[in-house]
Amino acid sequence: MNKIYDLKDRSYWFGINIINLLKKAPRNSASHVISDQLIRSSMSIGANIVKGSAAASKKDFINFYNHALKSAVETRFWLKSLVDSELIDKREVDEYIAEVEELSKILGSIVSKSRR
């Protein structure tokens, strides 16, 4: 995965890369449930960043970025679930877990600094 430094673009491509990763998952009910949740949470990161960037107030900005952070935390949960349920090999998922952890740190820092 190439590094993109614009947060909107980075979060968008993270979600797209998750969709492409899930094409490797087996087609069964467990995979379907986890994949559905993972797509929703991973794409929600970028959607909330975009909404936050267009916020009408500082309160709205913080709220949207906080939602993006919560979606990143949820995304990590679903990625770990993919690995621990052995639906996708850990080596395939490690870079996505690392990326969502970086996104979480960035978003956490933005939210924290914005509240000051």
PDB file of N, CA and C in Angstrom:
ATOM      1  N   MET A   1       0.842  -1.161   0.000  1.00  0.00           N
ATOM      2  CA  MET A   1       0.000   0.000   0.000  1.00  0.00           C
ATOM      3  C   MET A   1       0.896   1.237   0.000  1.00  0.00           C
ATOM      4  N   ASN A   2       0.711   2.105  -0.976  1.00  0.00           N
ATOM      5  CA  ASN A   2       1.489   3.345  -1.054  1.00  0.00           C
ATOM      6  C   ASN A   2       0.967   4.356  -0.040  1.00  0.00           C
ATOM      7  N   LYS A   3       1.871   5.150   0.508  1.00  0.00           N
ATOM      8  CA  LYS A   3       1.502   6.181   1.464  1.00  0.00           C
ATOM      9  C   LYS A   3       0.915   7.380   0.730  1.00  0.00           C
ATOM     10  N   ILE A   4      -0.229   7.821   1.178  1.00  0.00           N
ATOM     11  CA  ILE A   4      -0.867   9.041   0.697  1.00  0.00           C
ATOM     12  C   ILE A   4      -0.954   9.950   1.916  1.00  0.00           C
ATOM     13  N   TYR A   5      -0.587  11.205   1.753  1.00  0.00           N
ATOM     14  CA  TYR A   5      -0.495  12.087   2.911  1.00  0.00           C
ATOM     15  C   TYR A   5      -1.696  13.001   3.106  1.00  0.00           C
ATOM     16  N   ASP A   6      -2.514  13.209   2.093  1.00  0.00           N
ATOM     17  CA  ASP A   6      -3.749  13.956   2.275  1.00  0.00           C
ATOM     18  C   ASP A   6      -4.740  13.043   2.987  1.00  0.00           C
ATOM     19  N   LEU A   7      -5.251  13.462   4.143  1.00  0.00           N
ATOM     20  CA  LEU A   7      -6.076  12.588   4.985  1.00  0.00           C
ATOM     21  C   LEU A   7      -7.355  12.148   4.287  1.00  0.00           C
ATOM     22  N   LYS A   8      -7.976  13.037   3.523  1.00  0.00           N
ATOM     23  CA  LYS A   8      -9.194  12.657   2.795  1.00  0.00           C
ATOM     24  C   LYS A   8      -8.880  11.561   1.778  1.00  0.00           C
ATOM     25  N   ASP A   9      -7.839  11.762   0.993  1.00  0.00           N
ATOM     26  CA  ASP A   9      -7.461  10.764  -0.016  1.00  0.00           C
ATOM     27  C   ASP A   9      -7.001   9.465   0.648  1.00  0.00           C
ATOM     28  N   ARG A  10      -6.220   9.604   1.693  1.00  0.00           N
ATOM     29  CA  ARG A  10      -5.692   8.423   2.382  1.00  0.00           C
ATOM     30  C   ARG A  10      -6.827   7.569   2.939  1.00  0.00           C
ATOM     31  N   SER A  11      -7.803   8.204   3.570  1.00  0.00           N
ATOM     32  CA  SER A  11      -8.917   7.444   4.143  1.00  0.00           C
ATOM     33  C   SER A  11      -9.803   6.850   3.046  1.00  0.00           C
ATOM     34  N   TYR A  12      -9.982   7.588   1.950  1.00  0.00           N
ATOM     35  CA  TYR A  12     -10.763   7.057   0.826  1.00  0.00           C
ATOM     36  C   TYR A  12     -10.112   5.803   0.258  1.00  0.00           C
ATOM     37  N   TRP A  13      -8.813   5.890  -0.037  1.00  0.00           N
ATOM     38  CA  TRP A  13      -8.128   4.743  -0.631  1.00  0.00           C
ATOM     39  C   TRP A  13      -7.982   3.592   0.350  1.00  0.00           C
ATOM     40  N   PHE A  14      -7.941   3.897   1.634  1.00  0.00           N
ATOM     41  CA  PHE A  14      -7.937   2.826   2.628  1.00  0.00           C
ATOM     42  C   PHE A  14      -9.226   2.009   2.493  1.00  0.00           C
ATOM     43  N   GLY A  15     -10.361   2.677   2.420  1.00  0.00           N
ATOM     44  CA  GLY A  15     -11.641   1.980   2.255  1.00  0.00           C
ATOM     45  C   GLY A  15     -11.702   1.171   0.965  1.00  0.00           C
ATOM     46  N   ILE A  16     -11.230   1.750  -0.123  1.00  0.00           N
ATOM     47  CA  ILE A  16     -11.212   1.028  -1.406  1.00  0.00           C
ATOM     48  C   ILE A  16     -10.303  -0.200  -1.312  1.00  0.00           C
ATOM     49  N   ASN A  17      -9.148  -0.042  -0.683  1.00  0.00           N
ATOM     50  CA  ASN A  17      -8.231  -1.180  -0.523  1.00  0.00           C
ATOM     51  C   ASN A  17      -8.839  -2.280   0.347  1.00  0.00           C
ATOM     52  N   ILE A  18      -9.644  -1.907   1.328  1.00  0.00           N
ATOM     53  CA  ILE A  18     -10.349  -2.908   2.151  1.00  0.00           C
ATOM     54  C   ILE A  18     -11.317  -3.696   1.271  1.00  0.00           C
ATOM     55  N   ILE A  19     -12.055  -2.996   0.421  1.00  0.00           N
ATOM     56  CA  ILE A  19     -12.991  -3.677  -0.492  1.00  0.00           C
ATOM     57  C   ILE A  19     -12.226  -4.678  -1.355  1.00  0.00           C
ATOM     58  N   ASN A  20     -11.092  -4.265  -1.885  1.00  0.00           N
ATOM     59  CA  ASN A  20     -10.290  -5.171  -2.718  1.00  0.00           C
ATOM     60  C   ASN A  20      -9.728  -6.341  -1.907  1.00  0.00           C
ATOM     61  N   LEU A  21      -9.332  -6.091  -0.668  1.00  0.00           N
ATOM     62  CA  LEU A  21      -8.864  -7.172   0.204  1.00  0.00           C
ATOM     63  C   LEU A  21      -9.960  -8.222   0.399  1.00  0.00           C
ATOM     64  N   LEU A  22     -11.168  -7.773   0.579  1.00  0.00           N
ATOM     65  CA  LEU A  22     -12.272  -8.685   0.878  1.00  0.00           C
ATOM     66  C   LEU A  22     -12.660  -9.568  -0.299  1.00  0.00           C
ATOM     67  N   LYS A  23     -12.183  -9.236  -1.475  1.00  0.00           N
ATOM     68  CA  LYS A  23     -12.412 -10.105  -2.631  1.00  0.00           C
ATOM     69  C   LYS A  23     -11.697 -11.447  -2.457  1.00  0.00           C
ATOM     70  N   LYS A  24     -10.708 -11.479  -1.546  1.00  0.00           N
ATOM     71  CA  LYS A  24      -9.955 -12.705  -1.277  1.00  0.00           C
ATOM     72  C   LYS A  24     -10.626 -13.583  -0.222  1.00  0.00           C
ATOM     73  N   ALA A  25     -11.617 -13.049   0.450  1.00  0.00           N
ATOM     74  CA  ALA A  25     -12.291 -13.798   1.520  1.00  0.00           C
ATOM     75  C   ALA A  25     -13.178 -14.886   0.924  1.00  0.00           C
ATOM     76  N   PRO A  26     -13.304 -15.998   1.634  1.00  0.00           N
ATOM     77  CA  PRO A  26     -14.191 -17.056   1.149  1.00  0.00           C
ATOM     78  C   PRO A  26     -15.647 -16.575   1.154  1.00  0.00           C
ATOM     79  N   ARG A  27     -16.453 -17.223   0.379  1.00  0.00           N
ATOM     80  CA  ARG A  27     -17.869 -16.853   0.316  1.00  0.00           C
ATOM     81  C   ARG A  27     -18.652 -17.784   1.250  1.00  0.00           C
ATOM     82  N   ASN A  28     -18.856 -17.311   2.480  1.00  0.00           N
ATOM     83  CA  ASN A  28     -19.682 -18.030   3.446  1.00  0.00           C
ATOM     84  C   ASN A  28     -20.370 -17.017   4.339  1.00  0.00           C
ATOM     85  N   SER A  29     -21.251 -17.468   5.203  1.00  0.00           N
ATOM     86  CA  SER A  29     -22.050 -16.529   5.994  1.00  0.00           C
ATOM     87  C   SER A  29     -21.198 -15.705   6.960  1.00  0.00           C
ATOM     88  N   ALA A  30     -20.211 -16.316   7.601  1.00  0.00           N
ATOM     89  CA  ALA A  30     -19.355 -15.575   8.530  1.00  0.00           C
ATOM     90  C   ALA A  30     -18.575 -14.501   7.798  1.00  0.00           C
ATOM     91  N   SER A  31     -18.019 -14.850   6.674  1.00  0.00           N
ATOM     92  CA  SER A  31     -17.257 -13.893   5.875  1.00  0.00           C
ATOM     93  C   SER A  31     -18.148 -12.751   5.405  1.00  0.00           C
ATOM     94  N   HIS A  32     -19.369 -13.088   5.026  1.00  0.00           N
ATOM     95  CA  HIS A  32     -20.307 -12.065   4.548  1.00  0.00           C
ATOM     96  C   HIS A  32     -20.592 -11.042   5.654  1.00  0.00           C
ATOM     97  N   VAL A  33     -20.867 -11.512   6.858  1.00  0.00           N
ATOM     98  CA  VAL A  33     -21.185 -10.610   7.973  1.00  0.00           C
ATOM     99  C   VAL A  33     -19.997  -9.716   8.300  1.00  0.00           C
ATOM    100  N   ILE A  34     -18.819 -10.308   8.440  1.00  0.00           N
ATOM    101  CA  ILE A  34     -17.628  -9.525   8.777  1.00  0.00           C
ATOM    102  C   ILE A  34     -17.295  -8.555   7.643  1.00  0.00           C
ATOM    103  N   SER A  35     -17.383  -9.020   6.403  1.00  0.00           N
ATOM    104  CA  SER A  35     -17.082  -8.163   5.250  1.00  0.00           C
ATOM    105  C   SER A  35     -18.024  -6.970   5.188  1.00  0.00           C
ATOM    106  N   ASP A  36     -19.294  -7.207   5.412  1.00  0.00           N
ATOM    107  CA  ASP A  36     -20.283  -6.129   5.379  1.00  0.00           C
ATOM    108  C   ASP A  36     -19.958  -5.069   6.432  1.00  0.00           C
ATOM    109  N   GLN A  37     -19.679  -5.505   7.640  1.00  0.00           N
ATOM    110  CA  GLN A  37     -19.352  -4.569   8.718  1.00  0.00           C
ATOM    111  C   GLN A  37     -18.042  -3.837   8.435  1.00  0.00           C
ATOM    112  N   LEU A  38     -17.073  -4.559   7.908  1.00  0.00           N
ATOM    113  CA  LEU A  38     -15.767  -3.976   7.630  1.00  0.00           C
ATOM    114  C   LEU A  38     -15.845  -2.927   6.522  1.00  0.00           C
ATOM    115  N   ILE A  39     -16.609  -3.188   5.496  1.00  0.00           N
ATOM    116  CA  ILE A  39     -16.786  -2.193   4.434  1.00  0.00           C
ATOM    117  C   ILE A  39     -17.459  -0.945   4.992  1.00  0.00           C
ATOM    118  N   ARG A  40     -18.491  -1.137   5.783  1.00  0.00           N
ATOM    119  CA  ARG A  40     -19.209   0.014   6.355  1.00  0.00           C
ATOM    120  C   ARG A  40     -18.287   0.862   7.233  1.00  0.00           C
ATOM    121  N   SER A  41     -17.572   0.207   8.138  1.00  0.00           N
ATOM    122  CA  SER A  41     -16.739   0.970   9.075  1.00  0.00           C
ATOM    123  C   SER A  41     -15.546   1.613   8.379  1.00  0.00           C
ATOM    124  N   SER A  42     -14.919   0.904   7.445  1.00  0.00           N
ATOM    125  CA  SER A  42     -13.735   1.464   6.774  1.00  0.00           C
ATOM    126  C   SER A  42     -14.102   2.643   5.876  1.00  0.00           C
ATOM    127  N   MET A  43     -15.221   2.569   5.186  1.00  0.00           N
ATOM    128  CA  MET A  43     -15.644   3.678   4.332  1.00  0.00           C
ATOM    129  C   MET A  43     -16.181   4.841   5.168  1.00  0.00           C
ATOM    130  N   SER A  44     -16.686   4.544   6.344  1.00  0.00           N
ATOM    131  CA  SER A  44     -17.193   5.583   7.236  1.00  0.00           C
ATOM    132  C   SER A  44     -16.080   6.507   7.722  1.00  0.00           C
ATOM    133  N   ILE A  45     -14.864   5.988   7.820  1.00  0.00           N
ATOM    134  CA  ILE A  45     -13.734   6.827   8.231  1.00  0.00           C
ATOM    135  C   ILE A  45     -13.626   8.026   7.286  1.00  0.00           C
ATOM    136  N   GLY A  46     -13.498   7.741   6.009  1.00  0.00           N
ATOM    137  CA  GLY A  46     -13.350   8.806   5.016  1.00  0.00           C
ATOM    138  C   GLY A  46     -14.587   9.672   4.888  1.00  0.00           C
ATOM    139  N   ALA A  47     -15.760   9.065   4.954  1.00  0.00           N
ATOM    140  CA  ALA A  47     -17.000   9.838   4.826  1.00  0.00           C
ATOM    141  C   ALA A  47     -17.112  10.871   5.941  1.00  0.00           C
ATOM    142  N   ASN A  48     -16.741  10.482   7.150  1.00  0.00           N
ATOM    143  CA  ASN A  48     -16.814  11.426   8.265  1.00  0.00           C
ATOM    144  C   ASN A  48     -15.732  12.489   8.191  1.00  0.00           C
ATOM    145  N   ILE A  49     -14.572  12.153   7.661  1.00  0.00           N
ATOM    146  CA  ILE A  49     -13.522  13.155   7.468  1.00  0.00           C
ATOM    147  C   ILE A  49     -13.992  14.204   6.454  1.00  0.00           C
ATOM    148  N   VAL A  50     -14.597  13.764   5.372  1.00  0.00           N
ATOM    149  CA  VAL A  50     -15.102  14.690   4.353  1.00  0.00           C
ATOM    150  C   VAL A  50     -16.194  15.581   4.951  1.00  0.00           C
ATOM    151  N   LYS A  51     -17.113  14.987   5.706  1.00  0.00           N
ATOM    152  CA  LYS A  51     -18.168  15.792   6.333  1.00  0.00           C
ATOM    153  C   LYS A  51     -17.582  16.765   7.346  1.00  0.00           C
ATOM    154  N   GLY A  52     -16.593  16.307   8.098  1.00  0.00           N
ATOM    155  CA  GLY A  52     -15.952  17.175   9.083  1.00  0.00           C
ATOM    156  C   GLY A  52     -15.252  18.346   8.435  1.00  0.00           C
ATOM    157  N   SER A  53     -14.667  18.111   7.293  1.00  0.00           N
ATOM    158  CA  SER A  53     -13.966  19.185   6.577  1.00  0.00           C
ATOM    159  C   SER A  53     -14.918  20.260   6.074  1.00  0.00           C
ATOM    160  N   ALA A  54     -16.180  19.898   5.924  1.00  0.00           N
ATOM    161  CA  ALA A  54     -17.192  20.856   5.474  1.00  0.00           C
ATOM    162  C   ALA A  54     -18.081  21.318   6.619  1.00  0.00           C
ATOM    163  N   ALA A  55     -17.673  21.058   7.838  1.00  0.00           N
ATOM    164  CA  ALA A  55     -18.492  21.383   9.007  1.00  0.00           C
ATOM    165  C   ALA A  55     -18.730  22.878   9.133  1.00  0.00           C
ATOM    166  N   ALA A  56     -19.896  23.205   9.670  1.00  0.00           N
ATOM    167  CA  ALA A  56     -20.278  24.612   9.834  1.00  0.00           C
ATOM    168  C   ALA A  56     -19.739  25.209  11.127  1.00  0.00           C
ATOM    169  N   SER A  57     -19.317  24.360  12.044  1.00  0.00           N
ATOM    170  CA  SER A  57     -18.818  24.867  13.325  1.00  0.00           C
ATOM    171  C   SER A  57     -17.688  23.970  13.832  1.00  0.00           C
ATOM    172  N   LYS A  58     -16.971  24.492  14.811  1.00  0.00           N
ATOM    173  CA  LYS A  58     -15.897  23.703  15.423  1.00  0.00           C
ATOM    174  C   LYS A  58     -16.482  22.468  16.108  1.00  0.00           C
ATOM    175  N   LYS A  59     -17.629  22.625  16.731  1.00  0.00           N
ATOM    176  CA  LYS A  59     -18.303  21.494  17.394  1.00  0.00           C
ATOM    177  C   LYS A  59     -18.624  20.386  16.387  1.00  0.00           C
ATOM    178  N   ASP A  60     -19.167  20.767  15.236  1.00  0.00           N
ATOM    179  CA  ASP A  60     -19.470  19.789  14.183  1.00  0.00           C
ATOM    180  C   ASP A  60     -18.192  19.119  13.680  1.00  0.00           C
ATOM    181  N   PHE A  61     -17.152  19.920  13.462  1.00  0.00           N
ATOM    182  CA  PHE A  61     -15.864  19.389  13.008  1.00  0.00           C
ATOM    183  C   PHE A  61     -15.380  18.305  13.972  1.00  0.00           C
ATOM    184  N   ILE A  62     -15.361  18.622  15.251  1.00  0.00           N
ATOM    185  CA  ILE A  62     -14.896  17.666  16.264  1.00  0.00           C
ATOM    186  C   ILE A  62     -15.783  16.431  16.264  1.00  0.00           C
ATOM    187  N   ASN A  63     -17.088  16.631  16.155  1.00  0.00           N
ATOM    188  CA  ASN A  63     -18.031  15.509  16.164  1.00  0.00           C
ATOM    189  C   ASN A  63     -17.771  14.557  14.988  1.00  0.00           C
ATOM    190  N   PHE A  64     -17.606  15.091  13.787  1.00  0.00           N
ATOM    191  CA  PHE A  64     -17.376  14.244  12.617  1.00  0.00           C
ATOM    192  C   PHE A  64     -16.030  13.513  12.702  1.00  0.00           C
ATOM    193  N   TYR A  65     -14.995  14.235  13.140  1.00  0.00           N
ATOM    194  CA  TYR A  65     -13.687  13.595  13.266  1.00  0.00           C
ATOM    195  C   TYR A  65     -13.694  12.548  14.383  1.00  0.00           C
ATOM    196  N   ASN A  66     -14.458  12.786  15.415  1.00  0.00           N
ATOM    197  CA  ASN A  66     -14.585  11.789  16.478  1.00  0.00           C
ATOM    198  C   ASN A  66     -15.302  10.541  15.956  1.00  0.00           C
ATOM    199  N   HIS A  67     -16.310  10.733  15.119  1.00  0.00           N
ATOM    200  CA  HIS A  67     -16.983   9.587  14.483  1.00  0.00           C
ATOM    201  C   HIS A  67     -16.019   8.829  13.571  1.00  0.00           C
ATOM    202  N   ALA A  68     -15.173   9.559  12.856  1.00  0.00           N
ATOM    203  CA  ALA A  68     -14.163   8.912  12.009  1.00  0.00           C
ATOM    204  C   ALA A  68     -13.220   8.070  12.869  1.00  0.00           C
ATOM    205  N   LEU A  69     -12.825   8.608  14.016  1.00  0.00           N
ATOM    206  CA  LEU A  69     -11.966   7.865  14.935  1.00  0.00           C
ATOM    207  C   LEU A  69     -12.660   6.603  15.430  1.00  0.00           C
ATOM    208  N   LYS A  70     -13.915   6.709  15.801  1.00  0.00           N
ATOM    209  CA  LYS A  70     -14.671   5.528  16.260  1.00  0.00           C
ATOM    210  C   LYS A  70     -14.777   4.486  15.143  1.00  0.00           C
ATOM    211  N   SER A  71     -14.963   4.939  13.925  1.00  0.00           N
ATOM    212  CA  SER A  71     -15.027   4.009  12.792  1.00  0.00           C
ATOM    213  C   SER A  71     -13.684   3.325  12.567  1.00  0.00           C
ATOM    214  N   ALA A  72     -12.596   4.046  12.787  1.00  0.00           N
ATOM    215  CA  ALA A  72     -11.264   3.445  12.650  1.00  0.00           C
ATOM    216  C   ALA A  72     -11.052   2.367  13.705  1.00  0.00           C
ATOM    217  N   VAL A  73     -11.473   2.642  14.926  1.00  0.00           N
ATOM    218  CA  VAL A  73     -11.359   1.647  16.007  1.00  0.00           C
ATOM    219  C   VAL A  73     -12.200   0.419  15.670  1.00  0.00           C
ATOM    220  N   GLU A  74     -13.402   0.646  15.159  1.00  0.00           N
ATOM    221  CA  GLU A  74     -14.264  -0.472  14.762  1.00  0.00           C
ATOM    222  C   GLU A  74     -13.646  -1.252  13.605  1.00  0.00           C
ATOM    223  N   THR A  75     -13.055  -0.564  12.659  1.00  0.00           N
ATOM    224  CA  THR A  75     -12.417  -1.220  11.513  1.00  0.00           C
ATOM    225  C   THR A  75     -11.308  -2.160  11.977  1.00  0.00           C
ATOM    226  N   ARG A  76     -10.508  -1.702  12.934  1.00  0.00           N
ATOM    227  CA  ARG A  76      -9.446  -2.558  13.482  1.00  0.00           C
ATOM    228  C   ARG A  76     -10.054  -3.826  14.078  1.00  0.00           C
ATOM    229  N   PHE A  77     -11.164  -3.687  14.790  1.00  0.00           N
ATOM    230  CA  PHE A  77     -11.859  -4.841  15.376  1.00  0.00           C
ATOM    231  C   PHE A  77     -12.233  -5.858  14.292  1.00  0.00           C
ATOM    232  N   TRP A  78     -12.832  -5.381  13.204  1.00  0.00           N
ATOM    233  CA  TRP A  78     -13.268  -6.292  12.146  1.00  0.00           C
ATOM    234  C   TRP A  78     -12.084  -6.904  11.399  1.00  0.00           C
ATOM    235  N   LEU A  79     -11.020  -6.139  11.220  1.00  0.00           N
ATOM    236  CA  LEU A  79      -9.817  -6.706  10.590  1.00  0.00           C
ATOM    237  C   LEU A  79      -9.241  -7.829  11.449  1.00  0.00           C
ATOM    238  N   LYS A  80      -9.158  -7.591  12.752  1.00  0.00           N
ATOM    239  CA  LYS A  80      -8.665  -8.632  13.661  1.00  0.00           C
ATOM    240  C   LYS A  80      -9.596  -9.851  13.627  1.00  0.00           C
ATOM    241  N   SER A  81     -10.880  -9.637  13.499  1.00  0.00           N
ATOM    242  CA  SER A  81     -11.847 -10.736  13.410  1.00  0.00           C
ATOM    243  C   SER A  81     -11.614 -11.586  12.165  1.00  0.00           C
ATOM    244  N   LEU A  82     -11.277 -10.929  11.055  1.00  0.00           N
ATOM    245  CA  LEU A  82     -10.961 -11.669   9.825  1.00  0.00           C
ATOM    246  C   LEU A  82      -9.794 -12.623  10.046  1.00  0.00           C
ATOM    247  N   VAL A  83      -8.776 -12.128  10.732  1.00  0.00           N
ATOM    248  CA  VAL A  83      -7.573 -12.929  10.978  1.00  0.00           C
ATOM    249  C   VAL A  83      -7.862 -14.034  11.988  1.00  0.00           C
ATOM    250  N   ASP A  84      -8.453 -13.668  13.120  1.00  0.00           N
ATOM    251  CA  ASP A  84      -8.657 -14.625  14.198  1.00  0.00           C
ATOM    252  C   ASP A  84      -9.656 -15.725  13.834  1.00  0.00           C
ATOM    253  N   SER A  85     -10.557 -15.434  12.910  1.00  0.00           N
ATOM    254  CA  SER A  85     -11.485 -16.467  12.441  1.00  0.00           C
ATOM    255  C   SER A  85     -10.921 -17.238  11.254  1.00  0.00           C
ATOM    256  N   GLU A  86      -9.684 -16.889  10.872  1.00  0.00           N
ATOM    257  CA  GLU A  86      -8.952 -17.564   9.795  1.00  0.00           C
ATOM    258  C   GLU A  86      -9.648 -17.476   8.436  1.00  0.00           C
ATOM    259  N   LEU A  87     -10.351 -16.358   8.223  1.00  0.00           N
ATOM    260  CA  LEU A  87     -10.979 -16.146   6.923  1.00  0.00           C
ATOM    261  C   LEU A  87      -9.978 -15.609   5.909  1.00  0.00           C
ATOM    262  N   ILE A  88      -9.020 -14.811   6.391  1.00  0.00           N
ATOM    263  CA  ILE A  88      -7.943 -14.295   5.547  1.00  0.00           C
ATOM    264  C   ILE A  88      -6.651 -14.413   6.345  1.00  0.00           C
ATOM    265  N   ASP A  89      -5.589 -14.798   5.663  1.00  0.00           N
ATOM    266  CA  ASP A  89      -4.290 -14.978   6.311  1.00  0.00           C
ATOM    267  C   ASP A  89      -3.803 -13.675   6.936  1.00  0.00           C
ATOM    268  N   LYS A  90      -3.208 -13.785   8.105  1.00  0.00           N
ATOM    269  CA  LYS A  90      -2.704 -12.632   8.859  1.00  0.00           C
ATOM    270  C   LYS A  90      -1.772 -11.763   8.022  1.00  0.00           C
ATOM    271  N   ARG A  91      -0.919 -12.395   7.227  1.00  0.00           N
ATOM    272  CA  ARG A  91       0.028 -11.630   6.402  1.00  0.00           C
ATOM    273  C   ARG A  91      -0.673 -10.712   5.409  1.00  0.00           C
ATOM    274  N   GLU A  92      -1.872 -11.105   4.984  1.00  0.00           N
ATOM    275  CA  GLU A  92      -2.648 -10.290   4.042  1.00  0.00           C
ATOM    276  C   GLU A  92      -3.242  -9.059   4.731  1.00  0.00           C
ATOM    277  N   VAL A  93      -3.452  -9.148   6.037  1.00  0.00           N
ATOM    278  CA  VAL A  93      -4.200  -8.129   6.771  1.00  0.00           C
ATOM    279  C   VAL A  93      -3.301  -7.187   7.564  1.00  0.00           C
ATOM    280  N   ASP A  94      -2.090  -7.602   7.869  1.00  0.00           N
ATOM    281  CA  ASP A  94      -1.200  -6.819   8.736  1.00  0.00           C
ATOM    282  C   ASP A  94      -1.028  -5.369   8.285  1.00  0.00           C
ATOM    283  N   GLU A  95      -0.845  -5.140   6.998  1.00  0.00           N
ATOM    284  CA  GLU A  95      -0.626  -3.767   6.534  1.00  0.00           C
ATOM    285  C   GLU A  95      -1.876  -2.906   6.725  1.00  0.00           C
ATOM    286  N   TYR A  96      -3.050  -3.515   6.654  1.00  0.00           N
ATOM    287  CA  TYR A  96      -4.295  -2.768   6.848  1.00  0.00           C
ATOM    288  C   TYR A  96      -4.487  -2.430   8.323  1.00  0.00           C
ATOM    289  N   ILE A  97      -4.114  -3.348   9.187  1.00  0.00           N
ATOM    290  CA  ILE A  97      -4.179  -3.068  10.623  1.00  0.00           C
ATOM    291  C   ILE A  97      -3.208  -1.941  10.970  1.00  0.00           C
ATOM    292  N   ALA A  98      -2.011  -1.990  10.428  1.00  0.00           N
ATOM    293  CA  ALA A  98      -1.035  -0.929  10.678  1.00  0.00           C
ATOM    294  C   ALA A  98      -1.562   0.415  10.170  1.00  0.00           C
ATOM    295  N   GLU A  99      -2.169   0.426   9.006  1.00  0.00           N
ATOM    296  CA  GLU A  99      -2.687   1.668   8.435  1.00  0.00           C
ATOM    297  C   GLU A  99      -3.838   2.225   9.272  1.00  0.00           C
ATOM    298  N   VAL A 100      -4.742   1.375   9.706  1.00  0.00           N
ATOM    299  CA  VAL A 100      -5.875   1.887  10.486  1.00  0.00           C
ATOM    300  C   VAL A 100      -5.413   2.359  11.866  1.00  0.00           C
ATOM    301  N   GLU A 101      -4.352   1.755  12.382  1.00  0.00           N
ATOM    302  CA  GLU A 101      -3.792   2.240  13.644  1.00  0.00           C
ATOM    303  C   GLU A 101      -3.171   3.624  13.455  1.00  0.00           C
ATOM    304  N   GLU A 102      -2.498   3.849  12.322  1.00  0.00           N
ATOM    305  CA  GLU A 102      -1.955   5.178  12.023  1.00  0.00           C
ATOM    306  C   GLU A 102      -3.080   6.199  11.850  1.00  0.00           C
ATOM    307  N   LEU A 103      -4.110   5.822  11.116  1.00  0.00           N
ATOM    308  CA  LEU A 103      -5.249   6.721  10.943  1.00  0.00           C
ATOM    309  C   LEU A 103      -5.876   7.069  12.287  1.00  0.00           C
ATOM    310  N   SER A 104      -5.980   6.080  13.172  1.00  0.00           N
ATOM    311  CA  SER A 104      -6.541   6.319  14.504  1.00  0.00           C
ATOM    312  C   SER A 104      -5.707   7.318  15.287  1.00  0.00           C
ATOM    313  N   LYS A 105      -4.398   7.181  15.209  1.00  0.00           N
ATOM    314  CA  LYS A 105      -3.514   8.125  15.917  1.00  0.00           C
ATOM    315  C   LYS A 105      -3.660   9.536  15.363  1.00  0.00           C
ATOM    316  N   ILE A 106      -3.720   9.653  14.057  1.00  0.00           N
ATOM    317  CA  ILE A 106      -3.879  10.966  13.424  1.00  0.00           C
ATOM    318  C   ILE A 106      -5.210  11.589  13.844  1.00  0.00           C
ATOM    319  N   LEU A 107      -6.272  10.805  13.732  1.00  0.00           N
ATOM    320  CA  LEU A 107      -7.598  11.321  14.074  1.00  0.00           C
ATOM    321  C   LEU A 107      -7.693  11.665  15.558  1.00  0.00           C
ATOM    322  N   GLY A 108      -7.126  10.818  16.402  1.00  0.00           N
ATOM    323  CA  GLY A 108      -7.124  11.091  17.839  1.00  0.00           C
ATOM    324  C   GLY A 108      -6.408  12.390  18.149  1.00  0.00           C
ATOM    325  N   SER A 109      -5.305  12.628  17.483  1.00  0.00           N
ATOM    326  CA  SER A 109      -4.538  13.850  17.677  1.00  0.00           C
ATOM    327  C   SER A 109      -5.335  15.071  17.207  1.00  0.00           C
ATOM    328  N   ILE A 110      -5.991  14.970  16.074  1.00  0.00           N
ATOM    329  CA  ILE A 110      -6.801  16.077  15.553  1.00  0.00           C
ATOM    330  C   ILE A 110      -7.930  16.397  16.519  1.00  0.00           C
ATOM    331  N   VAL A 111      -8.632  15.376  16.984  1.00  0.00           N
ATOM    332  CA  VAL A 111      -9.750  15.589  17.915  1.00  0.00           C
ATOM    333  C   VAL A 111      -9.251  16.216  19.208  1.00  0.00           C
ATOM    334  N   SER A 112      -8.167  15.666  19.735  1.00  0.00           N
ATOM    335  CA  SER A 112      -7.604  16.166  20.997  1.00  0.00           C
ATOM    336  C   SER A 112      -7.180  17.630  20.875  1.00  0.00           C
ATOM    337  N   LYS A 113      -6.452  17.961  19.822  1.00  0.00           N
ATOM    338  CA  LYS A 113      -5.986  19.344  19.624  1.00  0.00           C
ATOM    339  C   LYS A 113      -7.144  20.284  19.352  1.00  0.00           C
ATOM    340  N   SER A 114      -8.165  19.815  18.672  1.00  0.00           N
ATOM    341  CA  SER A 114      -9.312  20.668  18.338  1.00  0.00           C
ATOM    342  C   SER A 114     -10.141  20.997  19.569  1.00  0.00           C
ATOM    343  N   ARG A 115     -10.127  20.144  20.552  1.00  0.00           N
ATOM    344  CA  ARG A 115     -10.893  20.397  21.782  1.00  0.00           C
ATOM    345  C   ARG A 115     -10.225  21.440  22.682  1.00  0.00           C
ATOM    346  N   ARG A 116      -8.945  21.694  22.472  1.00  0.00           N
ATOM    347  CA  ARG A 116      -8.232  22.675  23.309  1.00  0.00           C
ATOM    348  C   ARG A 116      -8.577  24.090  22.943  1.00  0.00           C
TER     349      ARG A 116
END
